[in-house]
Amino acid sequence: MQCILAELVRQERLVLIEDITVSSPKTKELVEKLKGLGIDNALIVTDAVDENLYLAARNLPNVAVIDTAAIDPVSLIGYDRVLMSVPAAKKLEVELG
């Protein structure tokens, strides 16, 4: 996992963001946030399950949402970008040591 994350950083495919939330489970709101970041194919990694974010992303074929407990190597390499919240990155750092 550490090697994959390091390679994502090297390839500039890992994007850290302070917070990834949507106020309601609306796909349109999430699409606007992703367009603002210039991202259309991404794995969104959060530190905890966010139901609104999950519901907003489920209609997007190139976007998936997982928390740090469910992260796996195949998911990390299967998307153009990995959008990770800072709390999720800190949590992964502790878990991976």
N, C-alpha and C. Protein backbone atom coordinates (compact mmCIF):
# COMPACT_ATOMS: atom_id res chain seq x y z
N MET A 1 0.83 -1.19 0.00
CA MET A 1 0.00 0.00 0.00
C MET A 1 0.87 1.26 0.00
N GLN A 2 1.94 1.23 0.80
CA GLN A 2 2.81 2.40 0.87
C GLN A 2 3.46 2.68 -0.48
N CYS A 3 3.86 1.63 -1.17
CA CYS A 3 4.48 1.79 -2.49
C CYS A 3 3.49 2.36 -3.50
N ILE A 4 2.27 1.88 -3.46
CA ILE A 4 1.25 2.38 -4.39
C ILE A 4 0.96 3.84 -4.12
N LEU A 5 0.82 4.21 -2.85
CA LEU A 5 0.57 5.61 -2.51
C LEU A 5 1.74 6.49 -2.92
N ALA A 6 2.96 6.01 -2.71
CA ALA A 6 4.14 6.77 -3.12
C ALA A 6 4.18 6.96 -4.64
N GLU A 7 3.80 5.93 -5.38
CA GLU A 7 3.77 6.02 -6.84
C GLU A 7 2.68 7.00 -7.31
N LEU A 8 1.54 7.00 -6.63
CA LEU A 8 0.48 7.96 -6.97
C LEU A 8 0.96 9.39 -6.77
N VAL A 9 1.70 9.63 -5.70
CA VAL A 9 2.26 10.96 -5.45
C VAL A 9 3.26 11.31 -6.55
N ARG A 10 4.12 10.37 -6.90
CA ARG A 10 5.12 10.62 -7.93
C ARG A 10 4.49 10.96 -9.28
N GLN A 11 3.39 10.28 -9.59
CA GLN A 11 2.69 10.52 -10.86
C GLN A 11 1.72 11.69 -10.78
N GLU A 12 1.65 12.34 -9.62
CA GLU A 12 0.73 13.46 -9.39
C GLU A 12 -0.72 13.06 -9.59
N ARG A 13 -1.06 11.84 -9.16
CA ARG A 13 -2.43 11.35 -9.25
C ARG A 13 -3.14 11.38 -7.90
N LEU A 14 -2.42 11.67 -6.84
CA LEU A 14 -3.01 11.77 -5.51
C LEU A 14 -3.25 13.24 -5.19
N VAL A 15 -4.51 13.58 -4.91
CA VAL A 15 -4.88 14.95 -4.61
C VAL A 15 -5.40 15.00 -3.18
N LEU A 16 -4.75 15.82 -2.35
CA LEU A 16 -5.22 16.00 -0.98
C LEU A 16 -6.08 17.24 -0.90
N ILE A 17 -7.18 17.13 -0.17
CA ILE A 17 -8.10 18.25 -0.01
C ILE A 17 -8.53 18.28 1.46
N GLU A 18 -8.73 19.47 1.99
CA GLU A 18 -9.08 19.62 3.41
C GLU A 18 -10.31 18.79 3.79
N ASP A 19 -11.38 18.97 3.03
CA ASP A 19 -12.62 18.29 3.38
C ASP A 19 -13.40 17.98 2.11
N ILE A 20 -13.96 16.80 2.06
CA ILE A 20 -14.77 16.39 0.90
C ILE A 20 -16.17 16.08 1.42
N THR A 21 -17.05 17.03 1.30
CA THR A 21 -18.42 16.82 1.75
C THR A 21 -19.38 17.48 0.77
N VAL A 22 -20.60 17.02 0.81
CA VAL A 22 -21.69 17.68 0.10
C VAL A 22 -22.82 17.87 1.11
N SER A 23 -23.54 18.97 0.98
CA SER A 23 -24.57 19.29 1.97
C SER A 23 -25.80 18.39 1.85
N SER A 24 -26.03 17.86 0.65
CA SER A 24 -27.16 16.96 0.44
C SER A 24 -26.74 15.88 -0.55
N PRO A 25 -27.48 14.78 -0.62
CA PRO A 25 -27.09 13.69 -1.51
C PRO A 25 -27.43 13.98 -2.98
N LYS A 26 -26.95 15.10 -3.49
CA LYS A 26 -27.24 15.51 -4.87
C LYS A 26 -26.00 15.30 -5.75
N THR A 27 -26.18 14.52 -6.80
CA THR A 27 -25.09 14.25 -7.72
C THR A 27 -24.58 15.54 -8.36
N LYS A 28 -25.48 16.44 -8.67
CA LYS A 28 -25.11 17.70 -9.32
C LYS A 28 -24.12 18.50 -8.47
N GLU A 29 -24.33 18.52 -7.16
CA GLU A 29 -23.44 19.25 -6.26
C GLU A 29 -22.03 18.65 -6.27
N LEU A 30 -21.95 17.32 -6.27
CA LEU A 30 -20.65 16.66 -6.31
C LEU A 30 -19.96 16.89 -7.65
N VAL A 31 -20.72 16.84 -8.74
CA VAL A 31 -20.15 17.08 -10.07
C VAL A 31 -19.55 18.48 -10.14
N GLU A 32 -20.23 19.46 -9.56
CA GLU A 32 -19.71 20.84 -9.56
C GLU A 32 -18.39 20.92 -8.78
N LYS A 33 -18.32 20.25 -7.63
CA LYS A 33 -17.08 20.26 -6.84
C LYS A 33 -15.94 19.62 -7.62
N LEU A 34 -16.22 18.49 -8.26
CA LEU A 34 -15.18 17.79 -9.02
C LEU A 34 -14.74 18.60 -10.23
N LYS A 35 -15.69 19.26 -10.91
CA LYS A 35 -15.33 20.11 -12.05
C LYS A 35 -14.45 21.26 -11.60
N GLY A 36 -14.73 21.80 -10.42
CA GLY A 36 -13.91 22.88 -9.87
C GLY A 36 -12.48 22.45 -9.64
N LEU A 37 -12.28 21.16 -9.37
CA LEU A 37 -10.94 20.63 -9.16
C LEU A 37 -10.32 20.09 -10.46
N GLY A 38 -11.11 20.07 -11.53
CA GLY A 38 -10.63 19.55 -12.80
C GLY A 38 -10.53 18.04 -12.82
N ILE A 39 -11.42 17.38 -12.10
CA ILE A 39 -11.38 15.92 -11.97
C ILE A 39 -12.71 15.34 -12.45
N ASP A 40 -12.63 14.28 -13.27
CA ASP A 40 -13.86 13.60 -13.70
C ASP A 40 -13.82 12.10 -13.49
N ASN A 41 -12.65 11.55 -13.16
CA ASN A 41 -12.52 10.12 -12.90
C ASN A 41 -11.70 9.98 -11.62
N ALA A 42 -12.37 9.64 -10.52
CA ALA A 42 -11.65 9.66 -9.25
C ALA A 42 -12.20 8.67 -8.23
N LEU A 43 -11.29 8.25 -7.38
CA LEU A 43 -11.64 7.51 -6.17
C LEU A 43 -11.56 8.53 -5.04
N ILE A 44 -12.64 8.68 -4.31
CA ILE A 44 -12.67 9.62 -3.19
C ILE A 44 -12.51 8.83 -1.91
N VAL A 45 -11.47 9.17 -1.15
CA VAL A 45 -11.18 8.47 0.10
C VAL A 45 -11.42 9.42 1.26
N THR A 46 -12.28 8.99 2.20
CA THR A 46 -12.58 9.79 3.38
C THR A 46 -12.18 9.02 4.63
N ASP A 47 -12.11 9.72 5.75
CA ASP A 47 -11.73 9.06 7.00
C ASP A 47 -12.89 8.32 7.64
N ALA A 48 -14.12 8.70 7.31
CA ALA A 48 -15.30 8.04 7.85
C ALA A 48 -16.38 8.01 6.76
N VAL A 49 -17.32 7.13 6.91
CA VAL A 49 -18.40 7.01 5.93
C VAL A 49 -19.26 8.27 5.95
N ASP A 50 -19.44 8.88 4.78
CA ASP A 50 -20.28 10.06 4.63
C ASP A 50 -21.42 9.66 3.69
N GLU A 51 -22.60 9.47 4.26
CA GLU A 51 -23.73 8.96 3.49
C GLU A 51 -24.11 9.90 2.34
N ASN A 52 -24.13 11.22 2.58
CA ASN A 52 -24.47 12.16 1.51
C ASN A 52 -23.48 12.07 0.35
N LEU A 53 -22.21 11.98 0.66
CA LEU A 53 -21.19 11.88 -0.37
C LEU A 53 -21.34 10.57 -1.15
N TYR A 54 -21.55 9.48 -0.45
CA TYR A 54 -21.74 8.18 -1.11
C TYR A 54 -22.96 8.21 -2.03
N LEU A 55 -24.08 8.74 -1.55
CA LEU A 55 -25.30 8.80 -2.36
C LEU A 55 -25.14 9.72 -3.57
N ALA A 56 -24.40 10.81 -3.39
CA ALA A 56 -24.18 11.74 -4.51
C ALA A 56 -23.30 11.11 -5.58
N ALA A 57 -22.38 10.25 -5.19
CA ALA A 57 -21.43 9.67 -6.15
C ALA A 57 -21.93 8.39 -6.81
N ARG A 58 -22.94 7.77 -6.28
CA ARG A 58 -23.33 6.45 -6.80
C ARG A 58 -23.86 6.48 -8.23
N ASN A 59 -24.32 7.63 -8.73
CA ASN A 59 -24.80 7.72 -10.10
C ASN A 59 -23.71 8.10 -11.09
N LEU A 60 -22.51 8.35 -10.59
CA LEU A 60 -21.40 8.72 -11.47
C LEU A 60 -20.57 7.47 -11.78
N PRO A 61 -20.48 7.09 -13.05
CA PRO A 61 -19.79 5.84 -13.39
C PRO A 61 -18.28 5.86 -13.13
N ASN A 62 -17.65 7.02 -13.14
CA ASN A 62 -16.20 7.11 -12.98
C ASN A 62 -15.78 7.65 -11.62
N VAL A 63 -16.68 7.61 -10.65
CA VAL A 63 -16.38 8.12 -9.31
C VAL A 63 -16.84 7.09 -8.29
N ALA A 64 -15.98 6.83 -7.31
CA ALA A 64 -16.33 5.93 -6.22
C ALA A 64 -15.91 6.58 -4.91
N VAL A 65 -16.62 6.24 -3.84
CA VAL A 65 -16.33 6.78 -2.51
C VAL A 65 -16.10 5.62 -1.57
N ILE A 66 -14.96 5.66 -0.86
CA ILE A 66 -14.68 4.65 0.17
C ILE A 66 -14.04 5.34 1.36
N ASP A 67 -14.09 4.66 2.50
CA ASP A 67 -13.39 5.18 3.67
C ASP A 67 -12.07 4.44 3.82
N THR A 68 -11.24 4.89 4.73
CA THR A 68 -9.90 4.31 4.86
C THR A 68 -9.93 2.83 5.26
N ALA A 69 -10.98 2.39 5.91
CA ALA A 69 -11.08 0.98 6.30
C ALA A 69 -11.27 0.07 5.09
N ALA A 70 -11.85 0.60 4.02
CA ALA A 70 -12.15 -0.22 2.84
C ALA A 70 -11.14 -0.04 1.71
N ILE A 71 -10.11 0.74 1.93
CA ILE A 71 -9.15 1.02 0.86
C ILE A 71 -8.37 -0.24 0.49
N ASP A 72 -8.16 -0.43 -0.82
CA ASP A 72 -7.42 -1.60 -1.28
C ASP A 72 -6.59 -1.21 -2.50
N PRO A 73 -5.55 -1.97 -2.80
CA PRO A 73 -4.65 -1.62 -3.91
C PRO A 73 -5.35 -1.52 -5.27
N VAL A 74 -6.27 -2.40 -5.55
CA VAL A 74 -6.95 -2.39 -6.85
C VAL A 74 -7.74 -1.10 -7.04
N SER A 75 -8.42 -0.65 -5.99
CA SER A 75 -9.18 0.60 -6.08
C SER A 75 -8.25 1.78 -6.31
N LEU A 76 -7.11 1.79 -5.64
CA LEU A 76 -6.18 2.91 -5.77
C LEU A 76 -5.63 3.07 -7.18
N ILE A 77 -5.37 1.97 -7.86
CA ILE A 77 -4.79 2.08 -9.21
C ILE A 77 -5.85 2.10 -10.30
N GLY A 78 -7.10 1.87 -9.96
CA GLY A 78 -8.16 1.77 -10.96
C GLY A 78 -8.76 3.09 -11.42
N TYR A 79 -8.34 4.19 -10.85
CA TYR A 79 -8.90 5.50 -11.19
C TYR A 79 -7.79 6.45 -11.62
N ASP A 80 -8.15 7.44 -12.43
CA ASP A 80 -7.16 8.42 -12.89
C ASP A 80 -6.58 9.21 -11.72
N ARG A 81 -7.44 9.57 -10.79
CA ARG A 81 -7.01 10.36 -9.63
C ARG A 81 -7.56 9.75 -8.35
N VAL A 82 -6.84 9.96 -7.27
CA VAL A 82 -7.32 9.59 -5.94
C VAL A 82 -7.45 10.88 -5.16
N LEU A 83 -8.67 11.23 -4.82
CA LEU A 83 -8.97 12.45 -4.08
C LEU A 83 -9.13 12.05 -2.62
N MET A 84 -8.22 12.50 -1.76
CA MET A 84 -8.19 12.06 -0.37
C MET A 84 -8.28 13.26 0.57
N SER A 85 -9.11 13.13 1.60
CA SER A 85 -9.19 14.20 2.59
C SER A 85 -7.95 14.12 3.49
N VAL A 86 -7.58 15.26 4.05
CA VAL A 86 -6.41 15.31 4.94
C VAL A 86 -6.59 14.39 6.15
N PRO A 87 -7.79 14.38 6.80
CA PRO A 87 -7.97 13.43 7.91
C PRO A 87 -7.80 11.97 7.49
N ALA A 88 -8.22 11.63 6.27
CA ALA A 88 -8.04 10.25 5.78
C ALA A 88 -6.57 9.94 5.57
N ALA A 89 -5.82 10.90 5.07
CA ALA A 89 -4.38 10.70 4.87
C ALA A 89 -3.67 10.49 6.20
N LYS A 90 -4.06 11.27 7.20
CA LYS A 90 -3.46 11.11 8.53
C LYS A 90 -3.80 9.75 9.13
N LYS A 91 -5.03 9.33 8.93
CA LYS A 91 -5.46 8.03 9.44
C LYS A 91 -4.70 6.89 8.75
N LEU A 92 -4.52 7.00 7.44
CA LEU A 92 -3.76 5.99 6.70
C LEU A 92 -2.29 5.98 7.15
N GLU A 93 -1.76 7.15 7.40
CA GLU A 93 -0.36 7.24 7.86
C GLU A 93 -0.17 6.48 9.16
N VAL A 94 -1.12 6.61 10.07
CA VAL A 94 -1.05 5.90 11.35
C VAL A 94 -1.21 4.39 11.13
N GLU A 95 -2.18 4.01 10.30
CA GLU A 95 -2.44 2.58 10.06
C GLU A 95 -1.28 1.89 9.35
N LEU A 96 -0.67 2.56 8.39
CA LEU A 96 0.40 1.95 7.62
C LEU A 96 1.76 2.08 8.30
N GLY A 97 1.84 3.00 9.26
CA GLY A 97 3.05 3.17 10.05
C GLY A 97 4.19 3.59 9.26
